[in-house]
Amino acid sequence: MNVIPTALPGVLILEPKVFGDARGFFLESYSARVFREATGLDPVFVQDNHSRSTRGVLRGLHYQVRQPQGKLVRVTHGRVFDVAVDVRRGSPNFGQWAGVELSEEMPCRMFWIPPGFAHGFVVLSDRADFLYKATDYYAPEYERFILWNDPDIGIEWPLEGLSEPVLSEKDRAGRLLKDAEACDL
């Protein structure tokens, strides 16, 4: 597995080995042993999620203040720009972000987002299927939302001609990071 560090310590781009020929390809999308040997991390995943969204949908920025989730994410169909934001109060990287494009053209590319980071993505293709493994269960009572366009974070979303992304009501009601409850990790 190829491990590519990002500007945020602990947030990683991962590229497992892909075996391909004229028939297509095969990859081991997750192996606890390979993940541990490549990253030095040993997360326990308790939940797998799959979302499908259309062009311009922006999901995020979501996180949980208790039961924070580490996420290993990838795209099996389409193309997204995926983002992690450090929301750990007291972290030297608090409020900083890292992003990566994930797509079906790069089915081996994954993004590791540790606990204590908000997560979001915007769909750049007509449709995208987004898969992620989580290290803790979804807990709606602890879920919080940061505005996708918080100027203090300054995420450079590639909206590709869209004036505004398509947002859920809860994402529209997100807070600025300076006013949001942070993770205490």
Protein backbone atom coordinates (compact mmCIF):
# COMPACT_ATOMS: atom_id res chain seq x y z
CA MET A 1 0.00 0.00 0.00
CA ASN A 2 1.24 3.45 -0.92
CA VAL A 3 0.71 5.99 1.87
CA ILE A 4 0.71 9.68 0.91
CA PRO A 5 0.73 12.18 3.79
CA THR A 6 -1.33 15.36 3.49
CA ALA A 7 -0.69 18.79 4.98
CA LEU A 8 -2.58 17.63 8.10
CA PRO A 9 -0.72 15.11 10.28
CA GLY A 10 -2.69 11.88 10.49
CA VAL A 11 -4.87 12.56 7.44
CA LEU A 12 -3.66 10.19 4.72
CA ILE A 13 -4.23 9.31 1.09
CA LEU A 14 -3.94 5.55 0.65
CA GLU A 15 -3.41 3.60 -2.55
CA PRO A 16 -3.62 -0.19 -2.21
CA LYS A 17 -2.07 -2.47 -4.79
CA VAL A 18 -4.21 -3.00 -7.88
CA PHE A 19 -3.88 -6.08 -10.06
CA GLY A 20 -5.18 -5.41 -13.55
CA ASP A 21 -5.25 -6.97 -16.98
CA ALA A 22 -7.44 -6.87 -20.10
CA ARG A 23 -10.38 -8.27 -18.10
CA GLY A 24 -10.40 -5.46 -15.52
CA PHE A 25 -8.83 -5.19 -12.08
CA PHE A 26 -8.81 -6.62 -8.57
CA LEU A 27 -7.89 -4.83 -5.38
CA GLU A 28 -8.12 -5.67 -1.72
CA SER A 29 -10.04 -2.60 -0.61
CA TYR A 30 -9.28 -3.19 3.06
CA SER A 31 -6.99 -5.47 5.02
CA ALA A 32 -6.42 -4.72 8.70
CA ARG A 33 -2.92 -6.20 8.50
CA VAL A 34 -1.89 -4.20 5.43
CA PHE A 35 -3.42 -0.99 6.83
CA ARG A 36 -1.59 -1.46 10.15
CA GLU A 37 1.75 -2.27 8.49
CA ALA A 38 1.51 0.69 6.08
CA THR A 39 0.24 3.35 8.51
CA GLY A 40 1.11 2.16 12.00
CA LEU A 41 -2.60 2.56 12.85
CA ASP A 42 -4.95 -0.17 13.99
CA PRO A 43 -8.51 1.20 13.77
CA VAL A 44 -11.48 -1.03 14.46
CA PHE A 45 -14.25 -0.37 11.95
CA VAL A 46 -17.79 -0.93 13.24
CA GLN A 47 -19.94 0.47 10.45
CA ASP A 48 -19.85 0.63 6.63
CA ASN A 49 -21.82 3.34 4.82
CA HIS A 50 -22.74 3.93 1.18
CA SER A 51 -24.14 7.17 -0.17
CA ARG A 52 -25.19 8.11 -3.69
CA SER A 53 -25.44 11.73 -4.73
CA THR A 54 -25.81 13.76 -7.89
CA ARG A 55 -23.71 16.58 -9.37
CA GLY A 56 -23.32 19.58 -7.12
CA VAL A 57 -24.44 17.86 -3.91
CA LEU A 58 -22.22 18.86 -1.02
CA ARG A 59 -22.43 16.76 2.12
CA GLY A 60 -20.73 18.21 5.17
CA LEU A 61 -18.96 19.33 7.08
CA HIS A 62 -20.03 16.68 9.64
CA TYR A 63 -18.44 15.36 12.81
CA GLN A 64 -19.40 13.93 16.20
CA VAL A 65 -18.31 15.62 19.44
CA ARG A 66 -18.66 12.32 21.32
CA GLN A 67 -18.06 8.97 19.70
CA PRO A 68 -15.89 10.70 17.07
CA GLN A 69 -15.57 8.63 13.93
CA GLY A 70 -12.44 7.86 12.00
CA LYS A 71 -13.39 7.27 8.36
CA LEU A 72 -11.76 5.40 5.51
CA VAL A 73 -13.50 6.67 2.37
CA ARG A 74 -13.47 5.89 -1.35
CA VAL A 75 -15.52 6.39 -4.50
CA THR A 76 -16.65 3.44 -6.65
CA HIS A 77 -18.60 5.42 -9.23
CA GLY A 78 -18.19 9.03 -10.28
CA ARG A 79 -15.93 11.74 -8.91
CA VAL A 80 -15.87 13.80 -5.70
CA PHE A 81 -13.66 16.29 -3.92
CA ASP A 82 -13.30 15.07 -0.34
CA VAL A 83 -12.27 17.21 2.63
CA ALA A 84 -11.14 16.75 6.24
CA VAL A 85 -11.05 19.66 8.72
CA ASP A 86 -9.30 19.45 12.11
CA VAL A 87 -11.91 20.25 14.79
CA ARG A 88 -9.87 19.12 17.80
CA ARG A 89 -9.77 22.05 20.20
CA GLY A 90 -6.17 22.57 21.29
CA SER A 91 -4.72 20.97 18.17
CA PRO A 92 -1.97 23.02 16.50
CA ASN A 93 -3.84 22.35 13.22
CA PHE A 94 -7.30 23.36 14.51
CA GLY A 95 -9.38 24.73 11.63
CA GLN A 96 -6.99 23.59 8.90
CA TRP A 97 -8.18 21.40 6.04
CA ALA A 98 -6.88 18.86 3.55
CA GLY A 99 -8.66 17.70 0.41
CA VAL A 100 -8.29 15.10 -2.30
CA GLU A 101 -10.14 14.10 -5.44
CA LEU A 102 -11.51 10.57 -5.36
CA SER A 103 -12.97 8.90 -8.43
CA GLU A 104 -13.77 5.67 -10.21
CA GLU A 105 -10.77 6.36 -12.45
CA MET A 106 -8.68 5.93 -9.30
CA PRO A 107 -10.62 3.10 -7.59
CA CYS A 108 -7.63 2.30 -5.46
CA ARG A 109 -7.35 5.77 -3.89
CA MET A 110 -8.77 6.14 -0.40
CA PHE A 111 -8.73 8.91 2.18
CA TRP A 112 -8.16 8.24 5.91
CA ILE A 113 -9.80 10.83 8.16
CA PRO A 114 -8.95 10.28 11.84
CA PRO A 115 -11.40 10.86 14.72
CA GLY A 116 -11.66 14.54 15.61
CA PHE A 117 -11.96 15.79 12.03
CA ALA A 118 -15.04 17.13 10.27
CA HIS A 119 -15.70 15.53 6.90
CA GLY A 120 -17.42 16.61 3.72
CA PHE A 121 -17.42 16.14 -0.02
CA VAL A 122 -18.86 17.67 -3.17
CA VAL A 123 -19.91 15.60 -6.18
CA LEU A 124 -18.18 16.61 -9.42
CA SER A 125 -19.73 13.98 -11.74
CA ASP A 126 -23.34 13.33 -12.77
CA ARG A 127 -23.59 10.77 -9.97
CA ALA A 128 -21.21 9.41 -7.35
CA ASP A 129 -21.26 6.36 -5.10
CA PHE A 130 -19.28 7.04 -1.96
CA LEU A 131 -18.27 4.24 0.45
CA TYR A 132 -16.83 4.67 3.89
CA LYS A 133 -15.87 2.61 6.88
CA ALA A 134 -16.34 4.23 10.31
CA THR A 135 -14.59 3.52 13.61
CA ASP A 136 -17.64 4.37 15.73
CA TYR A 137 -21.38 4.25 15.30
CA TYR A 138 -23.43 7.12 13.98
CA ALA A 139 -24.77 9.04 16.99
CA PRO A 140 -27.16 11.79 15.84
CA GLU A 141 -27.29 13.35 19.32
CA TYR A 142 -23.53 14.09 19.05
CA GLU A 143 -23.46 15.09 15.39
CA ARG A 144 -22.46 18.66 14.62
CA PHE A 145 -22.24 20.65 11.38
CA ILE A 146 -19.80 23.31 10.26
CA LEU A 147 -20.70 25.57 7.36
CA TRP A 148 -19.13 24.33 4.16
CA ASN A 149 -18.05 27.85 3.23
CA ASP A 150 -16.73 29.06 6.60
CA PRO A 151 -14.30 31.84 5.58
CA ASP A 152 -11.99 31.12 8.52
CA ILE A 153 -11.41 27.60 7.17
CA GLY A 154 -11.24 28.71 3.52
CA ILE A 155 -11.83 25.41 1.75
CA GLU A 156 -11.25 25.75 -1.98
CA TRP A 157 -14.22 23.71 -3.18
CA PRO A 158 -14.04 23.00 -6.94
CA LEU A 159 -17.66 23.82 -7.69
CA GLU A 160 -17.01 23.65 -11.46
CA GLY A 161 -19.42 26.31 -12.63
CA LEU A 162 -21.97 25.99 -9.85
CA SER A 163 -22.82 29.18 -8.02
CA GLU A 164 -24.02 27.23 -4.98
CA PRO A 165 -23.86 23.54 -4.09
CA VAL A 166 -26.96 21.48 -3.30
CA LEU A 167 -27.21 21.28 0.51
CA SER A 168 -29.42 19.52 3.03
CA GLU A 169 -31.30 21.62 5.57
CA LYS A 170 -28.96 20.56 8.36
CA ASP A 171 -25.90 21.48 6.28
CA ARG A 172 -27.43 24.90 5.55
CA ALA A 173 -27.87 25.37 9.29
CA GLY A 174 -24.23 24.56 10.07
CA ARG A 175 -22.22 26.86 12.30
CA LEU A 176 -19.01 28.73 11.83
CA LEU A 177 -16.11 26.83 13.36
CA LYS A 178 -15.42 29.65 15.84
CA ASP A 179 -18.97 29.18 17.20
CA ALA A 180 -19.13 25.39 16.95
CA GLU A 181 -18.58 22.77 19.61
CA ALA A 182 -15.18 21.16 19.05
CA CYS A 183 -13.91 17.66 19.78
CA ASP A 184 -11.86 17.25 22.93
CA LEU A 185 -9.41 14.50 21.95
